[in-house]
Amino acid sequence: LATQNAPLYAIPGTPPSLHRSITGDAFAPRNPYCLEIDKVKQPPVFQVSPTHFAKTWLLDPRAPKVEKPERIQNLHNRLRRTGL
């Protein structure tokens, strides 16, 4: 992330089958940072800037406060420096 010509991060695992009903967040089984609620209920959408939205339980005021994975710490500043 935030490095030109760097390989993109791939989410491990396989996408869910579209032939089955999805319970909770479709990414939960593939997300090592998912919360228990992700497995049973879709997350709400939060506006994080005038032009960006995030669908995650981690932004809910009731969510536990967790340390961001190192991969995304200071991501906004890194993106600004590279002009992306």
C-alpha atoms as a PDB file:
ATOM      1  CA  LEU A   1       0.000   0.000   0.000  1.00  0.00           C
ATOM      2  CA  ALA A   2       1.105   3.529  -0.827  1.00  0.00           C
ATOM      3  CA  THR A   3       4.140   2.362  -2.768  1.00  0.00           C
ATOM      4  CA  GLN A   4       4.094   2.692  -6.524  1.00  0.00           C
ATOM      5  CA  ASN A   5       4.580  -0.602  -8.407  1.00  0.00           C
ATOM      6  CA  ALA A   6       4.354  -2.593  -5.172  1.00  0.00           C
ATOM      7  CA  PRO A   7       2.297  -5.790  -5.323  1.00  0.00           C
ATOM      8  CA  LEU A   8      -1.261  -5.437  -4.074  1.00  0.00           C
ATOM      9  CA  TYR A   9      -2.229  -7.134  -0.847  1.00  0.00           C
ATOM     10  CA  ALA A  10      -4.495 -10.116  -1.522  1.00  0.00           C
ATOM     11  CA  ILE A  11      -7.078 -11.235   0.993  1.00  0.00           C
ATOM     12  CA  PRO A  12      -6.360 -14.890   1.848  1.00  0.00           C
ATOM     13  CA  GLY A  13      -8.955 -17.568   1.189  1.00  0.00           C
ATOM     14  CA  THR A  14     -11.686 -17.749  -1.419  1.00  0.00           C
ATOM     15  CA  PRO A  15     -14.734 -15.528  -1.941  1.00  0.00           C
ATOM     16  CA  PRO A  16     -18.042 -16.826  -0.570  1.00  0.00           C
ATOM     17  CA  SER A  17     -20.400 -18.711  -2.858  1.00  0.00           C
ATOM     18  CA  LEU A  18     -23.067 -16.481  -4.352  1.00  0.00           C
ATOM     19  CA  HIS A  19     -25.390 -19.507  -4.404  1.00  0.00           C
ATOM     20  CA  ARG A  20     -25.671 -19.493  -0.607  1.00  0.00           C
ATOM     21  CA  SER A  21     -27.062 -16.911   1.763  1.00  0.00           C
ATOM     22  CA  ILE A  22     -24.293 -14.954   3.476  1.00  0.00           C
ATOM     23  CA  THR A  23     -24.614 -14.406   7.213  1.00  0.00           C
ATOM     24  CA  GLY A  24     -22.779 -11.392   8.599  1.00  0.00           C
ATOM     25  CA  ASP A  25     -19.903  -9.741   6.795  1.00  0.00           C
ATOM     26  CA  ALA A  26     -18.965 -11.663   3.644  1.00  0.00           C
ATOM     27  CA  PHE A  27     -15.281 -10.925   4.339  1.00  0.00           C
ATOM     28  CA  ALA A  28     -15.338 -12.206   7.952  1.00  0.00           C
ATOM     29  CA  PRO A  29     -14.116 -15.763   7.222  1.00  0.00           C
ATOM     30  CA  ARG A  30     -11.134 -14.312   5.353  1.00  0.00           C
ATOM     31  CA  ASN A  31     -10.351 -11.481   7.784  1.00  0.00           C
ATOM     32  CA  PRO A  32      -7.931 -12.249  10.627  1.00  0.00           C
ATOM     33  CA  TYR A  33      -9.099  -9.025  12.354  1.00  0.00           C
ATOM     34  CA  CYS A  34     -12.850  -9.715  12.279  1.00  0.00           C
ATOM     35  CA  LEU A  35     -14.937  -9.342  15.422  1.00  0.00           C
ATOM     36  CA  GLU A  36     -17.470 -11.936  16.583  1.00  0.00           C
ATOM     37  CA  ILE A  37     -20.315  -9.660  15.457  1.00  0.00           C
ATOM     38  CA  ASP A  38     -18.899  -9.721  11.899  1.00  0.00           C
ATOM     39  CA  LYS A  39     -19.808 -13.397  11.739  1.00  0.00           C
ATOM     40  CA  VAL A  40     -23.501 -12.777  12.472  1.00  0.00           C
ATOM     41  CA  LYS A  41     -24.402  -9.246  11.369  1.00  0.00           C
ATOM     42  CA  GLN A  42     -23.387  -7.040   8.445  1.00  0.00           C
ATOM     43  CA  PRO A  43     -21.431  -3.957   9.536  1.00  0.00           C
ATOM     44  CA  PRO A  44     -22.876  -0.459   9.150  1.00  0.00           C
ATOM     45  CA  VAL A  45     -21.426   2.111   6.760  1.00  0.00           C
ATOM     46  CA  PHE A  46     -19.501   5.048   8.259  1.00  0.00           C
ATOM     47  CA  GLN A  47     -18.370   8.167   6.440  1.00  0.00           C
ATOM     48  CA  VAL A  48     -14.674   8.632   7.221  1.00  0.00           C
ATOM     49  CA  SER A  49     -14.036  11.657   5.000  1.00  0.00           C
ATOM     50  CA  PRO A  50     -16.122  13.772   2.617  1.00  0.00           C
ATOM     51  CA  THR A  51     -15.395  11.276  -0.178  1.00  0.00           C
ATOM     52  CA  HIS A  52     -14.716   7.955   1.604  1.00  0.00           C
ATOM     53  CA  PHE A  53     -16.873   5.450   3.434  1.00  0.00           C
ATOM     54  CA  ALA A  54     -16.010   2.309   5.395  1.00  0.00           C
ATOM     55  CA  LYS A  55     -18.253  -0.648   6.184  1.00  0.00           C
ATOM     56  CA  THR A  56     -16.813  -1.953   9.451  1.00  0.00           C
ATOM     57  CA  TRP A  57     -17.851  -2.622  13.015  1.00  0.00           C
ATOM     58  CA  LEU A  58     -14.527  -1.211  14.201  1.00  0.00           C
ATOM     59  CA  LEU A  59     -15.843   2.344  13.684  1.00  0.00           C
ATOM     60  CA  ASP A  60     -18.956   1.727  15.764  1.00  0.00           C
ATOM     61  CA  PRO A  61     -18.709   3.594  19.090  1.00  0.00           C
ATOM     62  CA  ARG A  62     -19.436   0.327  20.948  1.00  0.00           C
ATOM     63  CA  ALA A  63     -16.557  -1.535  19.280  1.00  0.00           C
ATOM     64  CA  PRO A  64     -13.484  -2.476  21.282  1.00  0.00           C
ATOM     65  CA  LYS A  65     -10.515  -0.229  20.667  1.00  0.00           C
ATOM     66  CA  VAL A  66      -7.893  -2.217  18.803  1.00  0.00           C
ATOM     67  CA  GLU A  67      -4.457  -1.427  17.467  1.00  0.00           C
ATOM     68  CA  LYS A  68      -4.429  -1.044  13.675  1.00  0.00           C
ATOM     69  CA  PRO A  69      -2.449  -3.713  11.841  1.00  0.00           C
ATOM     70  CA  GLU A  70       1.051  -2.401  11.064  1.00  0.00           C
ATOM     71  CA  ARG A  71       0.290  -2.674   7.342  1.00  0.00           C
ATOM     72  CA  ILE A  72      -2.264   0.165   7.551  1.00  0.00           C
ATOM     73  CA  GLN A  73      -0.809   2.362  10.281  1.00  0.00           C
ATOM     74  CA  ASN A  74      -0.258   5.897   8.958  1.00  0.00           C
ATOM     75  CA  LEU A  75      -1.725   4.816   5.620  1.00  0.00           C
ATOM     76  CA  HIS A  76      -3.328   8.192   4.970  1.00  0.00           C
ATOM     77  CA  ASN A  77       0.004  10.023   5.325  1.00  0.00           C
ATOM     78  CA  ARG A  78       1.795   7.480   3.128  1.00  0.00           C
ATOM     79  CA  LEU A  79      -0.860   7.860   0.410  1.00  0.00           C
ATOM     80  CA  ARG A  80      -0.597  11.649   0.535  1.00  0.00           C
ATOM     81  CA  ARG A  81       3.197  11.516   0.130  1.00  0.00           C
ATOM     82  CA  THR A  82       2.943   9.301  -2.972  1.00  0.00           C
ATOM     83  CA  GLY A  83       0.202  11.394  -4.567  1.00  0.00           C
ATOM     84  CA  LEU A  84      -2.311   8.522  -4.728  1.00  0.00           C
END
